[in-house]
Amino acid sequence: MRFLVIACLLFLFSNNSYARYGAGEIKLSDKVIRQITYYIDHPKGKPYVFLVTEDGVDGYSWYCAHAQCTPTGSMDERKICERKFGKKCHVFMIRRSIKWKNEATIKARGKEKSFKSKETYTDVREKLKKLGFVD
């Protein structure tokens, strides 16, 4: 019993990279919108996390080519993104669902902030525009 309590506490207080979703107003570049379109329908694996730089100019994604993946991966993706672009990176999407918090996403329902694998660039851009991520 004691082991179970300790294990639960360690799990709750562990540093999980996906616990810190991005928040606030951000405008995504056309490059990031194209990356998101490719991310939601990646030919070589399932989408698991999409990170974006604080300025919305660059994005970094991680896919899983295995059947038994979980979206609670390591902190490596965030660190790799930050090293690659030299800027802070935050989780924008988990799988095909937007996790970034702004006024529009807080009010939006699940389907309004999630994507299907076959959505086109135009579909993705329009949905992101409705959620305040594109001018």
N, C-alpha and C. Protein backbone atom coordinates (compact mmCIF):
# COMPACT_ATOMS: atom_id res chain seq x y z
N MET A 1 0.82 -1.19 0.00
CA MET A 1 0.00 0.00 0.00
C MET A 1 0.87 1.26 0.00
N ARG A 2 1.90 1.24 0.83
CA ARG A 2 2.79 2.39 0.93
C ARG A 2 3.45 2.67 -0.43
N PHE A 3 3.85 1.59 -1.11
CA PHE A 3 4.47 1.72 -2.43
C PHE A 3 3.52 2.39 -3.42
N LEU A 4 2.26 2.00 -3.37
CA LEU A 4 1.26 2.57 -4.28
C LEU A 4 1.08 4.07 -4.03
N VAL A 5 1.04 4.49 -2.80
CA VAL A 5 0.91 5.91 -2.46
C VAL A 5 2.12 6.69 -2.95
N ILE A 6 3.31 6.15 -2.71
CA ILE A 6 4.53 6.83 -3.16
C ILE A 6 4.57 6.91 -4.68
N ALA A 7 4.20 5.83 -5.36
CA ALA A 7 4.19 5.82 -6.82
C ALA A 7 3.21 6.86 -7.36
N CYS A 8 2.03 6.96 -6.74
CA CYS A 8 1.04 7.96 -7.18
C CYS A 8 1.55 9.38 -6.98
N LEU A 9 2.19 9.65 -5.86
CA LEU A 9 2.73 10.98 -5.60
C LEU A 9 3.84 11.33 -6.58
N LEU A 10 4.71 10.39 -6.86
CA LEU A 10 5.77 10.63 -7.85
C LEU A 10 5.19 10.92 -9.22
N PHE A 11 4.17 10.20 -9.59
CA PHE A 11 3.53 10.42 -10.88
C PHE A 11 2.91 11.81 -10.95
N LEU A 12 2.21 12.21 -9.90
CA LEU A 12 1.54 13.51 -9.89
C LEU A 12 2.51 14.68 -9.91
N PHE A 13 3.66 14.53 -9.26
CA PHE A 13 4.60 15.63 -9.16
C PHE A 13 5.78 15.52 -10.12
N SER A 14 5.74 14.54 -11.01
CA SER A 14 6.84 14.42 -11.98
C SER A 14 6.75 15.56 -12.98
N ASN A 15 7.87 15.87 -13.58
CA ASN A 15 7.93 16.96 -14.56
C ASN A 15 7.50 16.42 -15.91
N ASN A 16 6.26 16.58 -16.26
CA ASN A 16 5.71 16.08 -17.51
C ASN A 16 5.70 17.21 -18.53
N SER A 17 6.34 17.01 -19.66
CA SER A 17 6.47 18.07 -20.66
C SER A 17 5.13 18.47 -21.26
N TYR A 18 4.12 17.61 -21.19
CA TYR A 18 2.85 17.93 -21.79
C TYR A 18 1.91 18.61 -20.82
N ALA A 19 2.31 18.76 -19.58
CA ALA A 19 1.47 19.42 -18.59
C ALA A 19 1.42 20.91 -18.83
N ARG A 20 2.40 21.45 -19.51
CA ARG A 20 2.47 22.89 -19.74
C ARG A 20 2.11 23.23 -21.18
N TYR A 21 0.82 23.34 -21.44
CA TYR A 21 0.38 23.74 -22.76
C TYR A 21 0.62 25.22 -22.93
N GLY A 22 0.77 25.64 -24.19
CA GLY A 22 0.92 27.06 -24.45
C GLY A 22 -0.36 27.80 -24.12
N ALA A 23 -0.23 29.09 -23.84
CA ALA A 23 -1.40 29.89 -23.51
C ALA A 23 -1.18 31.32 -23.96
N GLY A 24 -2.27 32.01 -24.24
CA GLY A 24 -2.22 33.41 -24.63
C GLY A 24 -2.42 33.58 -26.12
N GLU A 25 -2.35 34.81 -26.53
CA GLU A 25 -2.55 35.14 -27.94
C GLU A 25 -1.28 34.84 -28.73
N ILE A 26 -1.45 34.16 -29.85
CA ILE A 26 -0.34 33.83 -30.73
C ILE A 26 -0.87 33.79 -32.16
N LYS A 27 -0.08 34.28 -33.09
CA LYS A 27 -0.42 34.20 -34.51
C LYS A 27 0.58 33.26 -35.17
N LEU A 28 0.05 32.27 -35.88
CA LEU A 28 0.90 31.27 -36.49
C LEU A 28 1.31 31.69 -37.90
N SER A 29 2.56 31.43 -38.23
CA SER A 29 3.06 31.72 -39.57
C SER A 29 2.48 30.72 -40.57
N ASP A 30 2.54 31.06 -41.84
CA ASP A 30 2.08 30.16 -42.89
C ASP A 30 2.89 28.86 -42.86
N LYS A 31 4.16 28.97 -42.54
CA LYS A 31 5.03 27.79 -42.43
C LYS A 31 4.49 26.83 -41.37
N VAL A 32 4.08 27.32 -40.22
CA VAL A 32 3.56 26.49 -39.14
C VAL A 32 2.22 25.88 -39.55
N ILE A 33 1.38 26.62 -40.25
CA ILE A 33 0.09 26.09 -40.70
C ILE A 33 0.33 24.91 -41.65
N ARG A 34 1.31 25.04 -42.54
CA ARG A 34 1.65 23.94 -43.45
C ARG A 34 2.20 22.74 -42.67
N GLN A 35 3.00 23.01 -41.64
CA GLN A 35 3.53 21.92 -40.81
C GLN A 35 2.40 21.20 -40.07
N ILE A 36 1.43 21.94 -39.58
CA ILE A 36 0.28 21.33 -38.90
C ILE A 36 -0.51 20.46 -39.87
N THR A 37 -0.72 20.94 -41.10
CA THR A 37 -1.44 20.18 -42.11
C THR A 37 -0.72 18.85 -42.37
N TYR A 38 0.59 18.88 -42.48
CA TYR A 38 1.38 17.67 -42.70
C TYR A 38 1.35 16.79 -41.44
N TYR A 39 1.42 17.41 -40.28
CA TYR A 39 1.43 16.69 -39.00
C TYR A 39 0.17 15.86 -38.80
N ILE A 40 -1.01 16.40 -39.12
CA ILE A 40 -2.25 15.68 -38.85
C ILE A 40 -2.45 14.49 -39.77
N ASP A 41 -1.73 14.45 -40.89
CA ASP A 41 -1.85 13.31 -41.81
C ASP A 41 -0.46 12.81 -42.21
N HIS A 42 0.39 12.58 -41.22
CA HIS A 42 1.75 12.13 -41.49
C HIS A 42 1.74 10.72 -42.06
N PRO A 43 2.42 10.50 -43.18
CA PRO A 43 2.38 9.18 -43.82
C PRO A 43 3.15 8.08 -43.08
N LYS A 44 4.03 8.44 -42.17
CA LYS A 44 4.88 7.43 -41.53
C LYS A 44 4.58 7.19 -40.06
N GLY A 45 3.52 7.74 -39.54
CA GLY A 45 3.22 7.51 -38.13
C GLY A 45 2.06 8.34 -37.64
N LYS A 46 1.63 8.05 -36.43
CA LYS A 46 0.53 8.78 -35.80
C LYS A 46 1.06 10.06 -35.17
N PRO A 47 0.33 11.16 -35.31
CA PRO A 47 0.76 12.40 -34.66
C PRO A 47 0.60 12.29 -33.15
N TYR A 48 1.61 12.75 -32.39
CA TYR A 48 1.50 12.70 -30.93
C TYR A 48 1.69 14.04 -30.25
N VAL A 49 2.59 14.86 -30.74
CA VAL A 49 2.73 16.19 -30.12
C VAL A 49 3.25 17.16 -31.17
N PHE A 50 2.66 18.35 -31.17
CA PHE A 50 3.12 19.43 -32.03
C PHE A 50 3.42 20.61 -31.13
N LEU A 51 4.67 21.09 -31.20
CA LEU A 51 5.10 22.23 -30.40
C LEU A 51 5.30 23.43 -31.32
N VAL A 52 5.11 24.60 -30.77
CA VAL A 52 5.29 25.83 -31.53
C VAL A 52 6.12 26.80 -30.70
N THR A 53 6.93 27.60 -31.39
CA THR A 53 7.72 28.61 -30.68
C THR A 53 6.79 29.71 -30.19
N GLU A 54 7.22 30.43 -29.16
CA GLU A 54 6.37 31.47 -28.57
C GLU A 54 5.94 32.54 -29.56
N ASP A 55 6.75 32.76 -30.60
CA ASP A 55 6.39 33.79 -31.58
C ASP A 55 5.53 33.25 -32.71
N GLY A 56 5.27 31.93 -32.75
CA GLY A 56 4.41 31.33 -33.77
C GLY A 56 5.06 31.16 -35.12
N VAL A 57 6.37 31.37 -35.21
CA VAL A 57 7.08 31.31 -36.49
C VAL A 57 7.52 29.89 -36.85
N ASP A 58 7.87 29.08 -35.85
CA ASP A 58 8.39 27.74 -36.11
C ASP A 58 7.62 26.70 -35.32
N GLY A 59 7.60 25.47 -35.85
CA GLY A 59 6.94 24.37 -35.18
C GLY A 59 7.79 23.12 -35.24
N TYR A 60 7.57 22.24 -34.28
CA TYR A 60 8.30 20.97 -34.20
C TYR A 60 7.30 19.89 -33.82
N SER A 61 7.38 18.74 -34.48
CA SER A 61 6.41 17.68 -34.20
C SER A 61 7.09 16.35 -33.95
N TRP A 62 6.35 15.48 -33.28
CA TRP A 62 6.82 14.14 -32.98
C TRP A 62 5.72 13.18 -33.35
N TYR A 63 6.11 12.11 -34.04
CA TYR A 63 5.19 11.09 -34.50
C TYR A 63 5.55 9.75 -33.87
N CYS A 64 4.61 8.84 -33.90
CA CYS A 64 4.88 7.49 -33.41
C CYS A 64 4.57 6.51 -34.52
N ALA A 65 5.54 5.71 -34.88
CA ALA A 65 5.34 4.70 -35.92
C ALA A 65 4.98 3.35 -35.32
N HIS A 66 4.86 3.27 -34.01
CA HIS A 66 4.57 2.02 -33.33
C HIS A 66 3.10 1.97 -32.90
N ALA A 67 2.61 0.77 -32.70
CA ALA A 67 1.21 0.60 -32.30
C ALA A 67 0.97 0.96 -30.84
N GLN A 68 1.97 0.89 -29.98
CA GLN A 68 1.80 1.06 -28.54
C GLN A 68 2.44 2.34 -28.01
N CYS A 69 2.16 3.46 -28.60
CA CYS A 69 2.73 4.72 -28.14
C CYS A 69 1.76 5.44 -27.23
N THR A 70 2.30 6.24 -26.33
CA THR A 70 1.46 7.07 -25.47
C THR A 70 1.90 8.52 -25.62
N PRO A 71 0.98 9.46 -25.53
CA PRO A 71 1.32 10.86 -25.71
C PRO A 71 1.96 11.48 -24.48
N THR A 72 2.45 10.70 -23.58
CA THR A 72 3.09 11.25 -22.39
C THR A 72 4.59 11.08 -22.48
N GLY A 73 5.14 11.09 -23.67
CA GLY A 73 6.55 10.88 -23.92
C GLY A 73 7.46 11.63 -22.98
N SER A 74 8.69 11.77 -23.33
CA SER A 74 9.66 12.43 -22.46
C SER A 74 9.67 13.93 -22.72
N MET A 75 10.51 14.62 -21.98
CA MET A 75 10.65 16.07 -22.16
C MET A 75 11.55 16.39 -23.34
N ASP A 76 12.09 15.38 -23.99
CA ASP A 76 13.05 15.60 -25.06
C ASP A 76 12.50 16.45 -26.20
N GLU A 77 11.25 16.27 -26.55
CA GLU A 77 10.69 17.01 -27.68
C GLU A 77 10.76 18.52 -27.45
N ARG A 78 10.41 18.95 -26.25
CA ARG A 78 10.46 20.39 -25.94
C ARG A 78 11.91 20.89 -26.00
N LYS A 79 12.81 20.14 -25.42
CA LYS A 79 14.22 20.55 -25.41
C LYS A 79 14.79 20.59 -26.81
N ILE A 80 14.45 19.60 -27.63
CA ILE A 80 14.93 19.56 -29.02
C ILE A 80 14.40 20.77 -29.77
N CYS A 81 13.13 21.08 -29.61
CA CYS A 81 12.52 22.24 -30.27
C CYS A 81 13.24 23.52 -29.86
N GLU A 82 13.49 23.69 -28.57
CA GLU A 82 14.13 24.91 -28.08
C GLU A 82 15.58 25.02 -28.57
N ARG A 83 16.28 23.89 -28.62
CA ARG A 83 17.66 23.92 -29.15
C ARG A 83 17.66 24.22 -30.64
N LYS A 84 16.74 23.63 -31.37
CA LYS A 84 16.68 23.79 -32.82
C LYS A 84 16.40 25.24 -33.23
N PHE A 85 15.48 25.90 -32.51
CA PHE A 85 15.07 27.25 -32.91
C PHE A 85 15.62 28.36 -32.02
N GLY A 86 16.21 28.00 -30.89
CA GLY A 86 16.76 29.01 -29.99
C GLY A 86 15.69 29.87 -29.33
N LYS A 87 14.49 29.32 -29.20
CA LYS A 87 13.36 30.03 -28.61
C LYS A 87 12.60 29.06 -27.71
N LYS A 88 11.80 29.61 -26.81
CA LYS A 88 10.94 28.77 -25.97
C LYS A 88 9.88 28.10 -26.85
N CYS A 89 9.62 26.83 -26.58
CA CYS A 89 8.59 26.08 -27.29
C CYS A 89 7.53 25.61 -26.30
N HIS A 90 6.29 25.57 -26.79
CA HIS A 90 5.17 25.13 -25.96
C HIS A 90 4.31 24.17 -26.75
N VAL A 91 3.62 23.29 -26.04
CA VAL A 91 2.74 22.33 -26.69
C VAL A 91 1.56 23.09 -27.30
N PHE A 92 1.36 22.85 -28.59
CA PHE A 92 0.22 23.43 -29.29
C PHE A 92 -0.88 22.38 -29.49
N MET A 93 -0.45 21.16 -29.85
CA MET A 93 -1.40 20.08 -30.08
C MET A 93 -0.91 18.78 -29.46
N ILE A 94 -1.84 17.98 -29.00
CA ILE A 94 -1.59 16.59 -28.64
C ILE A 94 -2.48 15.80 -29.59
N ARG A 95 -1.87 14.84 -30.24
CA ARG A 95 -2.53 14.10 -31.31
C ARG A 95 -3.10 15.10 -32.30
N ARG A 96 -4.39 15.10 -32.55
CA ARG A 96 -4.98 16.02 -33.53
C ARG A 96 -5.85 17.07 -32.85
N SER A 97 -5.61 17.34 -31.58
CA SER A 97 -6.43 18.27 -30.83
C SER A 97 -5.59 19.44 -30.31
N ILE A 98 -6.07 20.65 -30.53
CA ILE A 98 -5.36 21.85 -30.06
C ILE A 98 -5.49 21.93 -28.55
N LYS A 99 -4.35 22.11 -27.88
CA LYS A 99 -4.31 22.24 -26.43
C LYS A 99 -3.94 23.65 -25.98
N TRP A 100 -3.48 24.48 -26.91
CA TRP A 100 -3.13 25.87 -26.61
C TRP A 100 -4.36 26.58 -26.06
N LYS A 101 -4.18 27.35 -25.01
CA LYS A 101 -5.31 28.03 -24.38
C LYS A 101 -5.32 29.52 -24.75
N ASN A 102 -6.40 29.93 -25.37
CA ASN A 102 -6.68 31.35 -25.60
C ASN A 102 -8.19 31.53 -25.42
N GLU A 103 -8.70 32.71 -25.58
CA GLU A 103 -10.12 32.95 -25.35
C GLU A 103 -11.01 32.04 -26.20
N ALA A 104 -10.65 31.88 -27.47
CA ALA A 104 -11.48 31.09 -28.38
C ALA A 104 -11.42 29.60 -28.07
N THR A 105 -10.26 29.07 -27.75
CA THR A 105 -10.17 27.62 -27.50
C THR A 105 -10.80 27.24 -26.17
N ILE A 106 -10.79 28.15 -25.23
CA ILE A 106 -11.44 27.86 -23.94
C ILE A 106 -12.95 27.72 -24.14
N LYS A 107 -13.51 28.53 -25.03
CA LYS A 107 -14.95 28.49 -25.30
C LYS A 107 -15.34 27.40 -26.29
N ALA A 108 -14.39 26.95 -27.11
CA ALA A 108 -14.68 25.99 -28.19
C ALA A 108 -14.95 24.59 -27.65
N ARG A 109 -15.76 23.86 -28.39
CA ARG A 109 -16.04 22.47 -28.06
C ARG A 109 -14.98 21.59 -28.70
N GLY A 110 -14.96 20.34 -28.35
CA GLY A 110 -13.94 19.39 -28.81
C GLY A 110 -13.75 19.36 -30.32
N LYS A 111 -14.84 19.22 -31.08
CA LYS A 111 -14.74 19.13 -32.54
C LYS A 111 -14.25 20.42 -33.17
N GLU A 112 -14.50 21.54 -32.53
CA GLU A 112 -14.09 22.83 -33.07
C GLU A 112 -12.58 23.05 -32.97
N LYS A 113 -11.92 22.29 -32.11
CA LYS A 113 -10.47 22.46 -31.97
C LYS A 113 -9.70 21.16 -32.22
N SER A 114 -10.31 20.28 -33.00
CA SER A 114 -9.61 19.06 -33.39
C SER A 114 -9.71 18.88 -34.90
N PHE A 115 -8.80 18.08 -35.44
CA PHE A 115 -8.70 17.90 -36.88
C PHE A 115 -8.85 16.44 -37.25
N LYS A 116 -9.34 16.21 -38.45
CA LYS A 116 -9.37 14.88 -39.03
C LYS A 116 -8.14 14.74 -39.92
N SER A 117 -7.71 13.53 -40.12
CA SER A 117 -6.46 13.30 -40.84
C SER A 117 -6.48 13.79 -42.28
N LYS A 118 -7.61 13.86 -42.91
CA LYS A 118 -7.66 14.23 -44.33
C LYS A 118 -8.00 15.69 -44.59
N GLU A 119 -7.94 16.53 -43.56
CA GLU A 119 -8.25 17.96 -43.78
C GLU A 119 -7.15 18.62 -44.61
N THR A 120 -7.56 19.49 -45.49
CA THR A 120 -6.63 20.17 -46.38
C THR A 120 -6.03 21.41 -45.69
N TYR A 121 -5.04 21.99 -46.34
CA TYR A 121 -4.43 23.21 -45.83
C TYR A 121 -5.49 24.29 -45.62
N THR A 122 -6.40 24.43 -46.57
CA THR A 122 -7.47 25.44 -46.48
C THR A 122 -8.37 25.17 -45.29
N ASP A 123 -8.72 23.91 -45.07
CA ASP A 123 -9.55 23.54 -43.91
C ASP A 123 -8.85 23.87 -42.60
N VAL A 124 -7.58 23.51 -42.53
CA VAL A 124 -6.78 23.75 -41.32
C VAL A 124 -6.66 25.25 -41.06
N ARG A 125 -6.34 26.00 -42.10
CA ARG A 125 -6.18 27.45 -41.96
C ARG A 125 -7.48 28.10 -41.49
N GLU A 126 -8.60 27.69 -42.05
CA GLU A 126 -9.90 28.26 -41.69
C GLU A 126 -10.24 27.97 -40.22
N LYS A 127 -9.99 26.74 -39.78
CA LYS A 127 -10.27 26.38 -38.39
C LYS A 127 -9.38 27.18 -37.44
N LEU A 128 -8.10 27.31 -37.80
CA LEU A 128 -7.17 28.09 -36.97
C LEU A 128 -7.56 29.56 -36.94
N LYS A 129 -8.09 30.06 -38.04
CA LYS A 129 -8.54 31.46 -38.10
C LYS A 129 -9.73 31.67 -37.15
N LYS A 130 -10.68 30.73 -37.15
CA LYS A 130 -11.84 30.83 -36.25
C LYS A 130 -11.42 30.81 -34.79
N LEU A 131 -10.30 30.13 -34.51
CA LEU A 131 -9.82 30.03 -33.13
C LEU A 131 -8.83 31.15 -32.77
N GLY A 132 -8.63 32.10 -33.68
CA GLY A 132 -7.81 33.26 -33.38
C GLY A 132 -6.32 33.10 -33.57
N PHE A 133 -5.89 32.04 -34.26
CA PHE A 133 -4.46 31.80 -34.47
C PHE A 133 -3.94 32.35 -35.78
N VAL A 134 -4.85 32.83 -36.65
CA VAL A 134 -4.47 33.37 -37.95
C VAL A 134 -5.26 34.64 -38.18
N ASP A 135 -4.61 35.64 -38.77
CA ASP A 135 -5.30 36.89 -39.11
C ASP A 135 -6.10 36.73 -40.39
